[in-house]
Amino acid sequence: MRAPYDSEGLWLKAKLFINRAMDDNARSFDERALWASLSLELLAKAALANHSPLLIADPMECEARR
């Protein structure tokens, strides 16, 4: 299992979401816009995680693992 702040995992999930948004008219415009915006968020997180995973790590989750 990959860490939630792994840039490669975030990149793959963003690709999955944008593919879901670009399906052949299987979804309404609103649903396609939702998937595209979620993909954009994941792309931004992937870029931040590639620079430093600490930029997107959840501090409460790290606290719970102690």
N, C-alpha and C. Protein backbone atom coordinates (compact mmCIF):
# COMPACT_ATOMS: atom_id res chain seq x y z
N MET A 1 0.84 -1.18 0.00
CA MET A 1 0.00 0.00 0.00
C MET A 1 0.89 1.24 0.00
N ARG A 2 0.53 2.19 -0.83
CA ARG A 2 1.30 3.43 -0.91
C ARG A 2 0.86 4.40 0.16
N ALA A 3 1.78 5.27 0.51
CA ALA A 3 1.46 6.32 1.48
C ALA A 3 0.49 7.32 0.85
N PRO A 4 -0.37 7.95 1.63
CA PRO A 4 -1.34 8.90 1.06
C PRO A 4 -0.69 10.15 0.48
N TYR A 5 0.57 10.36 0.74
CA TYR A 5 1.27 11.54 0.23
C TYR A 5 2.28 11.17 -0.85
N ASP A 6 2.16 9.99 -1.42
CA ASP A 6 3.05 9.54 -2.49
C ASP A 6 2.69 10.26 -3.79
N SER A 7 3.63 10.95 -4.39
CA SER A 7 3.34 11.74 -5.58
C SER A 7 2.94 10.86 -6.77
N GLU A 8 3.53 9.69 -6.89
CA GLU A 8 3.18 8.79 -8.00
C GLU A 8 1.74 8.29 -7.87
N GLY A 9 1.34 7.95 -6.67
CA GLY A 9 -0.04 7.51 -6.45
C GLY A 9 -1.05 8.61 -6.72
N LEU A 10 -0.72 9.83 -6.31
CA LEU A 10 -1.61 10.96 -6.58
C LEU A 10 -1.71 11.24 -8.07
N TRP A 11 -0.59 11.11 -8.78
CA TRP A 11 -0.57 11.31 -10.23
C TRP A 11 -1.46 10.27 -10.93
N LEU A 12 -1.35 9.00 -10.52
CA LEU A 12 -2.16 7.96 -11.13
C LEU A 12 -3.64 8.15 -10.86
N LYS A 13 -3.97 8.59 -9.66
CA LYS A 13 -5.37 8.82 -9.32
C LYS A 13 -5.92 10.02 -10.11
N ALA A 14 -5.10 11.04 -10.31
CA ALA A 14 -5.52 12.19 -11.11
C ALA A 14 -5.80 11.77 -12.56
N LYS A 15 -4.94 10.89 -13.10
CA LYS A 15 -5.17 10.39 -14.46
C LYS A 15 -6.47 9.59 -14.54
N LEU A 16 -6.74 8.79 -13.52
CA LEU A 16 -7.98 8.03 -13.49
C LEU A 16 -9.20 8.96 -13.47
N PHE A 17 -9.12 10.01 -12.65
CA PHE A 17 -10.25 10.94 -12.55
C PHE A 17 -10.46 11.71 -13.84
N ILE A 18 -9.38 12.14 -14.51
CA ILE A 18 -9.57 12.89 -15.75
C ILE A 18 -10.10 11.98 -16.84
N ASN A 19 -9.70 10.71 -16.84
CA ASN A 19 -10.28 9.76 -17.79
C ASN A 19 -11.76 9.56 -17.54
N ARG A 20 -12.14 9.55 -16.29
CA ARG A 20 -13.55 9.42 -15.94
C ARG A 20 -14.33 10.66 -16.39
N ALA A 21 -13.70 11.81 -16.30
CA ALA A 21 -14.36 13.05 -16.74
C ALA A 21 -14.51 13.12 -18.25
N MET A 22 -13.59 12.49 -18.97
CA MET A 22 -13.59 12.59 -20.42
C MET A 22 -14.28 11.42 -21.12
N ASP A 23 -15.03 10.61 -20.39
CA ASP A 23 -15.77 9.51 -21.00
C ASP A 23 -16.72 10.02 -22.08
N ASP A 24 -17.08 9.16 -22.99
CA ASP A 24 -17.96 9.51 -24.10
C ASP A 24 -19.39 9.77 -23.63
N ASN A 25 -19.71 10.97 -23.30
CA ASN A 25 -21.08 11.40 -22.95
C ASN A 25 -21.80 10.44 -22.02
N ALA A 26 -21.07 9.66 -21.26
CA ALA A 26 -21.70 8.74 -20.32
C ALA A 26 -22.18 9.47 -19.07
N ARG A 27 -21.70 10.68 -18.89
CA ARG A 27 -22.04 11.44 -17.68
C ARG A 27 -22.56 12.82 -18.06
N SER A 28 -23.28 13.42 -17.12
CA SER A 28 -23.77 14.78 -17.35
C SER A 28 -22.61 15.77 -17.27
N PHE A 29 -22.84 16.98 -17.73
CA PHE A 29 -21.80 18.00 -17.69
C PHE A 29 -21.36 18.28 -16.27
N ASP A 30 -22.30 18.34 -15.34
CA ASP A 30 -21.96 18.63 -13.95
C ASP A 30 -21.06 17.55 -13.35
N GLU A 31 -21.36 16.29 -13.64
CA GLU A 31 -20.54 15.21 -13.12
C GLU A 31 -19.15 15.21 -13.75
N ARG A 32 -19.09 15.51 -15.05
CA ARG A 32 -17.80 15.59 -15.71
C ARG A 32 -16.96 16.74 -15.15
N ALA A 33 -17.60 17.87 -14.86
CA ALA A 33 -16.89 19.00 -14.27
C ALA A 33 -16.39 18.65 -12.87
N LEU A 34 -17.16 17.90 -12.12
CA LEU A 34 -16.73 17.47 -10.79
C LEU A 34 -15.47 16.60 -10.88
N TRP A 35 -15.48 15.60 -11.77
CA TRP A 35 -14.32 14.72 -11.90
C TRP A 35 -13.10 15.50 -12.38
N ALA A 36 -13.30 16.46 -13.27
CA ALA A 36 -12.17 17.26 -13.76
C ALA A 36 -11.59 18.13 -12.64
N SER A 37 -12.44 18.70 -11.81
CA SER A 37 -11.93 19.54 -10.72
C SER A 37 -11.23 18.70 -9.65
N LEU A 38 -11.74 17.50 -9.40
CA LEU A 38 -11.05 16.61 -8.46
C LEU A 38 -9.69 16.19 -9.00
N SER A 39 -9.62 15.99 -10.31
CA SER A 39 -8.34 15.65 -10.93
C SER A 39 -7.35 16.80 -10.80
N LEU A 40 -7.82 18.02 -10.98
CA LEU A 40 -6.96 19.19 -10.86
C LEU A 40 -6.41 19.32 -9.44
N GLU A 41 -7.24 19.04 -8.46
CA GLU A 41 -6.78 19.08 -7.07
C GLU A 41 -5.69 18.04 -6.82
N LEU A 42 -5.89 16.85 -7.35
CA LEU A 42 -4.89 15.80 -7.17
C LEU A 42 -3.59 16.11 -7.92
N LEU A 43 -3.69 16.76 -9.07
CA LEU A 43 -2.48 17.16 -9.78
C LEU A 43 -1.67 18.16 -8.96
N ALA A 44 -2.37 19.10 -8.32
CA ALA A 44 -1.68 20.07 -7.47
C ALA A 44 -1.03 19.38 -6.28
N LYS A 45 -1.74 18.44 -5.67
CA LYS A 45 -1.16 17.71 -4.55
C LYS A 45 0.03 16.87 -4.98
N ALA A 46 -0.03 16.29 -6.17
CA ALA A 46 1.09 15.50 -6.67
C ALA A 46 2.32 16.38 -6.88
N ALA A 47 2.11 17.58 -7.39
CA ALA A 47 3.23 18.49 -7.58
C ALA A 47 3.84 18.90 -6.24
N LEU A 48 2.99 19.18 -5.26
CA LEU A 48 3.50 19.53 -3.93
C LEU A 48 4.23 18.36 -3.29
N ALA A 49 3.65 17.16 -3.41
CA ALA A 49 4.26 15.98 -2.80
C ALA A 49 5.57 15.64 -3.48
N ASN A 50 5.69 15.95 -4.76
CA ASN A 50 6.94 15.70 -5.46
C ASN A 50 8.05 16.62 -4.93
N HIS A 51 7.67 17.82 -4.55
CA HIS A 51 8.64 18.76 -3.98
C HIS A 51 8.98 18.38 -2.54
N SER A 52 7.94 18.19 -1.72
CA SER A 52 8.12 17.78 -0.33
C SER A 52 6.82 17.18 0.18
N PRO A 53 6.80 15.91 0.57
CA PRO A 53 5.58 15.27 1.07
C PRO A 53 5.01 15.95 2.31
N LEU A 54 5.84 16.66 3.04
CA LEU A 54 5.35 17.33 4.24
C LEU A 54 4.34 18.43 3.92
N LEU A 55 4.34 18.92 2.70
CA LEU A 55 3.42 19.98 2.32
C LEU A 55 1.97 19.52 2.25
N ILE A 56 1.74 18.22 2.09
CA ILE A 56 0.36 17.74 2.02
C ILE A 56 0.04 16.71 3.10
N ALA A 57 0.99 16.36 3.94
CA ALA A 57 0.74 15.38 5.00
C ALA A 57 -0.24 15.94 6.02
N ASP A 58 -1.12 15.09 6.50
CA ASP A 58 -2.09 15.48 7.51
C ASP A 58 -1.44 15.37 8.89
N PRO A 59 -1.28 16.49 9.62
CA PRO A 59 -0.59 16.42 10.90
C PRO A 59 -1.35 15.59 11.94
N MET A 60 -2.66 15.55 11.84
CA MET A 60 -3.45 14.77 12.80
C MET A 60 -3.23 13.26 12.57
N GLU A 61 -3.07 12.86 11.31
CA GLU A 61 -2.82 11.46 11.02
C GLU A 61 -1.44 11.04 11.52
N CYS A 62 -0.48 11.93 11.39
CA CYS A 62 0.87 11.63 11.88
C CYS A 62 0.87 11.53 13.41
N GLU A 63 0.07 12.34 14.04
CA GLU A 63 -0.03 12.33 15.50
C GLU A 63 -0.65 11.01 15.98
N ALA A 64 -1.64 10.50 15.23
CA ALA A 64 -2.33 9.27 15.63
C ALA A 64 -1.43 8.05 15.48
N ARG A 65 -0.44 8.10 14.62
CA ARG A 65 0.43 6.94 14.40
C ARG A 65 1.47 6.80 15.49
N ARG A 66 1.65 7.78 16.32
CA ARG A 66 2.67 7.71 17.38
C ARG A 66 2.29 6.77 18.46
